[in-house]
Amino acid sequence: MKEINIGNKKIGKCRPVFVIAEIGTNHGGNFEIAKEMIIKAAETGVDAVKFQLFHAEKLVSENTESFNDESGKSQLEQYSKLQLTNDEYKRVYEFAKSKGVLFFASAWDKDNVDFLNELGVPAFKIGSGDITNIPLISYIAKTNKPIIISTGSSDLVEIKEAVDAIRKEGNDKIILLHCVANYPAKIEDSNLRAIPLMESVFNLPIGISDHVIRNYTSFAAVGLGAVMVEKHYTLDKTQESKFGENHDMSIDPNDLKDLVDGCKAIRSALGQAIKKPTNSEMETRDLIRRSIIAIQDIHKGSTITNDNIDFLRPASGIEPKYLDTVIGKVTKKDIKKGEPITWNLI
């Protein structure tokens, strides 16, 4: 499986986990809050911040009813409140760069794809809701930039159709994110074993877009091979989640720092698919293993028996597995009580 570059970061099995703070629309359409979220995210060490870039009128029809909202306003009215202007997005992009984090976004229509491409984003994100939007996926693929696809609510056939559409445009820079498209998702619905399955089927880097409230599933996903973790993020997870916002299922800056640190630690702990003693183990191995030790003085010419030896620490003598070979041997010289039995003594 090849590595994929996103900006100055390399995404791959032997690389640090790429952590995305999904700001989404949790800025509530407020530019200053968006900046503050970037500042706090950068302090945690995340690799990227991600927004959701849309024009409400190109997302929902005029009279589409709202859900989880009793204001009586349409989705069009609600989503319009969650937008930043293109000028503000330009400033957010530059601000993120100044803080040392990458900026990219989910582009929900072709105009926003063009805008983001001209802005210079290092990658594009396709949300779970657009995995069957092949015209948009193909359009994004033509930018020849890395594409991250969330796969919530989809099956392997639908994922393959999206992947094939990208490859048809000559773009093979694809990262798939296992996802459960509920907000929040139940931990028992996580089905994390889909991560190694997707890796084997598509031979692509696999990550997770994690909608479970805490970080457990993200950590488990990294243990199963996830190379990227995306998590919804807010400054205050106790604030009310209005239409289109996800504060109640998001993690705050403290949780985000825990996510970054945990992913680094788990990646380091995974190591490589080999089994041999580490250098640090070699330093203590002889102290914790046993060898054949004399438990009484044994004179030269005596026979080694079960009565004059035992298996004791340290492992500076013959290993216990050679007991049958040692029993019955004759000593070449005197051996003192407590002395390891070595091959040159018998």
Protein backbone atom coordinates (compact mmCIF):
# COMPACT_ATOMS: atom_id res chain seq x y z
CA MET A 1 0.00 0.00 0.00
CA LYS A 2 1.48 3.30 -1.05
CA GLU A 3 1.71 6.36 1.17
CA ILE A 4 -0.28 9.49 0.37
CA ASN A 5 0.95 13.02 0.92
CA ILE A 6 -1.40 15.63 2.35
CA GLY A 7 0.49 18.89 2.49
CA ASN A 8 3.73 18.16 4.30
CA LYS A 9 2.32 15.06 5.99
CA LYS A 10 2.70 11.47 4.83
CA ILE A 11 -0.22 9.15 5.45
CA GLY A 12 0.61 5.45 5.77
CA LYS A 13 0.88 2.40 7.99
CA CYS A 14 4.33 3.31 9.29
CA ARG A 15 3.59 7.02 9.72
CA PRO A 16 2.14 8.90 12.70
CA VAL A 17 -1.65 8.85 12.82
CA PHE A 18 -3.07 11.88 10.98
CA VAL A 19 -5.56 13.58 13.34
CA ILE A 20 -8.26 15.89 12.02
CA ALA A 21 -10.24 18.26 14.21
CA GLU A 22 -13.62 18.38 12.48
CA ILE A 23 -14.83 21.91 13.18
CA GLY A 24 -17.61 21.42 10.66
CA THR A 25 -20.25 24.03 11.42
CA ASN A 26 -19.63 24.21 15.16
CA HIS A 27 -18.41 27.78 14.64
CA GLY A 28 -22.08 28.68 14.14
CA GLY A 29 -21.24 30.98 11.26
CA ASN A 30 -19.04 33.14 13.51
CA PHE A 31 -15.60 33.94 12.07
CA GLU A 32 -14.04 34.81 15.43
CA ILE A 33 -15.19 31.54 16.95
CA ALA A 34 -13.73 29.70 13.96
CA LYS A 35 -10.37 31.37 14.62
CA GLU A 36 -10.50 30.51 18.32
CA MET A 37 -11.26 26.89 17.48
CA ILE A 38 -8.20 26.78 15.20
CA ILE A 39 -5.99 28.26 17.92
CA LYS A 40 -7.11 25.69 20.50
CA ALA A 41 -6.87 22.82 18.02
CA ALA A 42 -3.35 23.80 16.98
CA GLU A 43 -2.28 23.79 20.62
CA THR A 44 -3.25 20.12 20.91
CA GLY A 45 -0.97 19.08 18.04
CA VAL A 46 -3.61 18.07 15.48
CA ASP A 47 -2.52 17.78 11.87
CA ALA A 48 -5.52 19.47 10.30
CA VAL A 49 -8.74 21.34 10.88
CA LYS A 50 -11.69 20.60 8.65
CA PHE A 51 -14.73 22.67 7.80
CA GLN A 52 -17.92 21.96 5.86
CA LEU A 53 -18.19 24.32 2.94
CA PHE A 54 -21.60 24.70 1.35
CA HIS A 55 -24.09 27.14 -0.05
CA ALA A 56 -27.40 26.41 1.62
CA GLU A 57 -29.40 26.96 -1.55
CA LYS A 58 -27.33 24.27 -3.30
CA LEU A 59 -27.77 21.80 -0.47
CA VAL A 60 -31.47 21.76 0.30
CA SER A 61 -34.59 22.79 -1.55
CA GLU A 62 -36.41 25.89 -0.40
CA ASN A 63 -39.17 24.28 1.65
CA THR A 64 -37.30 21.32 3.13
CA GLU A 65 -38.52 20.98 6.69
CA SER A 66 -36.05 21.17 9.53
CA PHE A 67 -35.44 18.26 11.91
CA ASN A 68 -34.58 18.23 15.60
CA ASP A 69 -35.71 21.85 15.68
CA GLU A 70 -38.95 23.45 16.83
CA SER A 71 -38.40 26.95 15.47
CA GLY A 72 -40.50 26.31 12.39
CA LYS A 73 -37.70 27.49 10.11
CA SER A 74 -36.73 25.53 7.03
CA GLN A 75 -33.40 23.76 6.57
CA LEU A 76 -32.51 26.48 4.05
CA GLU A 77 -32.91 29.18 6.69
CA GLN A 78 -31.03 27.15 9.30
CA TYR A 79 -28.10 26.20 7.10
CA SER A 80 -27.73 29.79 5.89
CA LYS A 81 -26.83 30.77 9.44
CA LEU A 82 -23.96 28.28 9.53
CA GLN A 83 -22.04 29.62 6.54
CA LEU A 84 -18.93 31.75 6.52
CA THR A 85 -18.34 34.00 3.54
CA ASN A 86 -15.74 33.05 0.95
CA ASP A 87 -13.60 35.94 2.14
CA GLU A 88 -13.80 34.61 5.70
CA TYR A 89 -12.84 31.14 4.49
CA LYS A 90 -9.81 32.62 2.77
CA ARG A 91 -8.80 34.27 6.02
CA VAL A 92 -9.47 31.07 7.97
CA TYR A 93 -7.27 29.16 5.52
CA GLU A 94 -4.39 31.60 6.00
CA PHE A 95 -4.93 31.69 9.75
CA ALA A 96 -4.72 27.91 10.02
CA LYS A 97 -1.53 27.97 7.98
CA SER A 98 -0.06 30.56 10.36
CA LYS A 99 -0.82 28.21 13.27
CA GLY A 100 0.92 25.29 11.63
CA VAL A 101 -2.15 23.18 10.85
CA LEU A 102 -3.56 22.14 7.50
CA PHE A 103 -6.97 23.39 6.39
CA PHE A 104 -9.37 21.55 4.14
CA ALA A 105 -13.09 21.08 3.87
CA SER A 106 -15.98 19.00 2.66
CA ALA A 107 -17.10 20.67 -0.55
CA TRP A 108 -20.79 20.06 -1.13
CA ASP A 109 -21.08 21.52 -4.63
CA LYS A 110 -18.92 22.20 -7.68
CA ASP A 111 -18.58 25.93 -7.04
CA ASN A 112 -17.08 25.22 -3.63
CA VAL A 113 -14.77 22.62 -5.15
CA ASP A 114 -13.46 25.30 -7.50
CA PHE A 115 -13.14 27.81 -4.67
CA LEU A 116 -11.22 25.41 -2.43
CA ASN A 117 -8.98 24.28 -5.27
CA GLU A 118 -8.05 27.87 -6.08
CA LEU A 119 -7.49 28.49 -2.38
CA GLY A 120 -4.87 25.74 -2.43
CA VAL A 121 -6.30 23.17 -0.01
CA PRO A 122 -4.09 20.06 0.22
CA ALA A 123 -7.00 17.60 0.09
CA PHE A 124 -10.75 17.25 -0.30
CA LYS A 125 -13.22 15.49 1.97
CA ILE A 126 -16.35 13.72 0.78
CA GLY A 127 -18.89 13.20 3.54
CA SER A 128 -20.90 10.03 3.98
CA GLY A 129 -23.99 11.67 2.53
CA ASP A 130 -22.25 12.23 -0.80
CA ILE A 131 -20.69 8.80 -1.32
CA THR A 132 -23.26 8.07 -4.04
CA ASN A 133 -22.92 11.55 -5.57
CA ILE A 134 -20.71 10.24 -8.35
CA PRO A 135 -20.89 13.45 -10.46
CA LEU A 136 -19.49 15.49 -7.57
CA ILE A 137 -16.93 12.83 -6.68
CA SER A 138 -15.69 12.68 -10.28
CA TYR A 139 -15.47 16.46 -10.41
CA ILE A 140 -13.34 16.53 -7.25
CA ALA A 141 -11.17 13.70 -8.57
CA LYS A 142 -10.19 15.85 -11.57
CA THR A 143 -8.33 18.21 -9.22
CA ASN A 144 -5.85 15.33 -8.76
CA LYS A 145 -5.66 16.11 -5.06
CA PRO A 146 -5.99 13.53 -2.28
CA ILE A 147 -9.59 12.61 -1.52
CA ILE A 148 -10.80 11.44 1.88
CA ILE A 149 -14.12 9.61 1.78
CA SER A 150 -16.32 8.88 4.78
CA THR A 151 -18.22 5.64 4.29
CA GLY A 152 -21.07 5.92 6.80
CA SER A 153 -24.33 4.21 5.81
CA SER A 154 -22.65 2.53 2.84
CA ASP A 155 -21.67 -0.97 1.82
CA LEU A 156 -18.64 -2.31 -0.06
CA VAL A 157 -20.37 -2.04 -3.43
CA GLU A 158 -21.14 1.66 -2.96
CA ILE A 159 -17.62 2.32 -1.69
CA LYS A 160 -16.19 0.57 -4.73
CA GLU A 161 -18.33 2.69 -7.06
CA ALA A 162 -16.95 5.86 -5.47
CA VAL A 163 -13.37 4.58 -5.58
CA ASP A 164 -13.76 3.51 -9.21
CA ALA A 165 -15.12 6.93 -10.14
CA ILE A 166 -12.02 8.60 -8.68
CA ARG A 167 -9.63 6.17 -10.33
CA LYS A 168 -11.41 6.64 -13.65
CA GLU A 169 -10.20 10.26 -13.55
CA GLY A 170 -6.61 9.09 -13.07
CA ASN A 171 -6.56 9.90 -9.37
CA ASP A 172 -5.49 7.15 -6.97
CA LYS A 173 -4.82 9.34 -3.93
CA ILE A 174 -7.70 7.98 -1.88
CA ILE A 175 -8.18 7.49 1.85
CA LEU A 176 -11.29 5.73 3.12
CA LEU A 177 -12.74 6.49 6.54
CA HIS A 178 -14.84 3.89 8.29
CA CYS A 179 -17.80 5.74 9.75
CA VAL A 180 -21.15 5.21 11.43
CA ALA A 181 -23.40 8.03 10.23
CA ASN A 182 -25.26 8.67 13.46
CA TYR A 183 -24.78 11.79 15.58
CA PRO A 184 -23.72 10.56 18.05
CA ALA A 185 -23.03 6.95 17.14
CA LYS A 186 -23.52 4.18 19.67
CA ILE A 187 -20.30 2.48 20.64
CA GLU A 188 -21.88 -0.93 20.09
CA ASP A 189 -22.58 0.04 16.46
CA SER A 190 -18.94 0.88 15.75
CA ASN A 191 -18.06 -2.37 13.92
CA LEU A 192 -14.37 -1.53 13.91
CA ARG A 193 -13.43 -4.83 12.31
CA ALA A 194 -14.57 -3.22 9.08
CA ILE A 195 -11.25 -1.31 9.10
CA PRO A 196 -8.96 -4.29 8.31
CA LEU A 197 -11.67 -5.65 6.00
CA MET A 198 -11.73 -2.43 3.95
CA GLU A 199 -7.95 -2.37 3.84
CA SER A 200 -7.82 -5.90 2.45
CA VAL A 201 -10.57 -5.24 -0.11
CA PHE A 202 -9.39 -1.89 -1.45
CA ASN A 203 -5.66 -1.87 -0.65
CA LEU A 204 -6.00 1.77 0.40
CA PRO A 205 -5.17 3.64 3.61
CA ILE A 206 -8.09 3.34 6.01
CA GLY A 207 -9.00 5.67 8.84
CA ILE A 208 -12.03 6.47 10.95
CA SER A 209 -14.47 9.33 11.15
CA ASP A 210 -15.54 8.70 14.72
CA HIS A 211 -18.93 9.91 15.94
CA VAL A 212 -18.84 8.12 19.29
CA ILE A 213 -18.75 10.69 22.09
CA ARG A 214 -15.54 9.53 23.76
CA ASN A 215 -12.14 8.55 22.33
CA TYR A 216 -12.30 4.80 22.98
CA THR A 217 -13.29 3.83 19.45
CA SER A 218 -10.66 6.06 17.89
CA PHE A 219 -7.96 4.40 19.95
CA ALA A 220 -9.25 0.93 19.11
CA ALA A 221 -9.38 1.91 15.43
CA VAL A 222 -5.71 2.89 15.49
CA GLY A 223 -4.94 -0.48 17.06
CA LEU A 224 -6.72 -2.12 14.12
CA GLY A 225 -4.68 -0.19 11.57
CA ALA A 226 -6.42 3.17 11.10
CA VAL A 227 -3.97 5.73 9.73
CA MET A 228 -6.28 8.75 10.09
CA VAL A 229 -8.72 9.83 12.78
CA GLU A 230 -11.36 12.52 12.31
CA LYS A 231 -13.36 13.68 15.30
CA HIS A 232 -16.00 16.40 15.68
CA TYR A 233 -14.63 19.19 17.82
CA THR A 234 -16.06 22.11 19.78
CA LEU A 235 -14.85 24.67 22.29
CA ASP A 236 -17.63 23.74 24.73
CA LYS A 237 -19.39 20.39 24.52
CA THR A 238 -21.95 21.47 27.14
CA GLN A 239 -23.46 24.21 25.00
CA GLU A 240 -26.75 23.68 23.23
CA SER A 241 -26.51 21.97 19.86
CA LYS A 242 -28.71 23.97 17.54
CA PHE A 243 -29.67 22.79 14.07
CA GLY A 244 -26.61 21.77 12.06
CA GLU A 245 -24.25 21.91 15.05
CA ASN A 246 -22.83 18.93 16.94
CA HIS A 247 -21.55 20.32 20.24
CA ASP A 248 -23.10 17.57 22.37
CA MET A 249 -21.34 14.78 20.44
CA SER A 250 -18.06 16.63 19.93
CA ILE A 251 -14.87 16.58 21.93
CA ASP A 252 -13.44 19.71 23.53
CA PRO A 253 -9.80 20.89 23.50
CA ASN A 254 -8.87 18.68 26.48
CA ASP A 255 -10.37 15.63 24.81
CA LEU A 256 -8.68 16.57 21.54
CA LYS A 257 -5.29 16.71 23.26
CA ASP A 258 -6.00 13.28 24.74
CA LEU A 259 -6.89 12.02 21.26
CA VAL A 260 -3.66 13.32 19.72
CA ASP A 261 -1.47 11.98 22.53
CA GLY A 262 -3.28 8.64 22.61
CA CYS A 263 -2.97 8.11 18.86
CA LYS A 264 0.76 8.83 19.02
CA ALA A 265 1.23 6.42 21.92
CA ILE A 266 -0.77 3.63 20.31
CA ARG A 267 1.03 3.99 16.98
CA SER A 268 4.35 3.77 18.85
CA ALA A 269 3.12 0.75 20.81
CA LEU A 270 2.06 -1.15 17.68
CA GLY A 271 5.62 -1.60 16.45
CA GLN A 272 6.14 -4.01 13.57
CA ALA A 273 4.97 -7.51 12.72
CA ILE A 274 7.96 -9.25 14.26
CA LYS A 275 8.46 -11.07 17.55
CA LYS A 276 11.87 -10.85 19.15
CA PRO A 277 13.30 -9.43 22.37
CA THR A 278 13.70 -5.67 22.47
CA ASN A 279 17.06 -4.15 23.36
CA SER A 280 15.69 -3.15 26.74
CA GLU A 281 14.50 -6.72 27.40
CA MET A 282 17.96 -8.09 26.63
CA GLU A 283 19.33 -5.99 29.48
CA THR A 284 17.16 -7.81 32.04
CA ARG A 285 16.50 -11.15 30.40
CA ASP A 286 19.21 -13.09 32.27
CA LEU A 287 18.01 -11.62 35.56
CA ILE A 288 14.46 -12.95 35.23
CA ARG A 289 15.19 -16.31 33.57
CA ARG A 290 16.51 -19.39 35.31
CA SER A 291 19.39 -21.74 34.68
CA ILE A 292 20.70 -24.95 36.19
CA ILE A 293 22.40 -24.02 39.47
CA ALA A 294 24.30 -26.20 42.00
CA ILE A 295 22.39 -26.33 45.30
CA GLN A 296 25.30 -27.97 47.11
CA ASP A 297 29.02 -28.30 46.63
CA ILE A 298 29.69 -30.80 43.85
CA HIS A 299 33.18 -32.29 43.76
CA LYS A 300 35.18 -32.99 40.63
CA GLY A 301 34.22 -36.36 39.11
CA SER A 302 30.76 -36.37 40.66
CA THR A 303 27.61 -37.13 38.73
CA ILE A 304 24.96 -34.46 38.16
CA THR A 305 21.64 -35.59 39.63
CA ASN A 306 18.27 -34.02 40.43
CA ASP A 307 19.40 -33.86 44.05
CA ASN A 308 22.39 -31.56 43.59
CA ILE A 309 20.92 -29.01 41.15
CA ASP A 310 17.84 -26.79 40.77
CA PHE A 311 16.46 -24.17 38.41
CA LEU A 312 17.26 -20.76 39.83
CA ARG A 313 17.92 -17.22 38.67
CA PRO A 314 20.02 -15.85 37.00
CA ALA A 315 20.20 -17.41 33.54
CA SER A 316 23.98 -17.49 33.44
CA GLY A 317 24.20 -21.27 33.27
CA ILE A 318 22.69 -24.01 31.13
CA GLU A 319 18.99 -23.47 30.38
CA PRO A 320 16.50 -25.79 32.16
CA LYS A 321 15.31 -27.19 28.82
CA TYR A 322 18.59 -29.13 28.61
CA LEU A 323 17.99 -30.94 31.93
CA ASP A 324 17.80 -34.41 30.38
CA THR A 325 21.14 -33.83 28.70
CA VAL A 326 22.80 -32.59 31.89
CA ILE A 327 21.54 -35.33 34.24
CA GLY A 328 24.12 -38.11 34.46
CA LYS A 329 27.02 -35.99 33.26
CA VAL A 330 30.26 -35.98 35.30
CA THR A 331 31.85 -32.77 36.56
CA LYS A 332 35.30 -31.77 35.27
CA LYS A 333 36.11 -29.69 38.36
CA ASP A 334 34.72 -28.69 41.73
CA ILE A 335 31.48 -26.69 41.57
CA LYS A 336 30.49 -24.57 44.53
CA LYS A 337 26.99 -24.26 45.93
CA GLY A 338 25.15 -21.48 44.07
CA GLU A 339 27.39 -21.72 41.04
CA PRO A 340 25.71 -21.98 37.59
CA ILE A 341 26.33 -25.26 35.76
CA THR A 342 27.91 -24.41 32.40
CA TRP A 343 28.83 -26.73 29.56
CA ASN A 344 32.54 -26.38 30.18
CA LEU A 345 32.10 -27.73 33.73
CA ILE A 346 30.64 -31.11 32.75
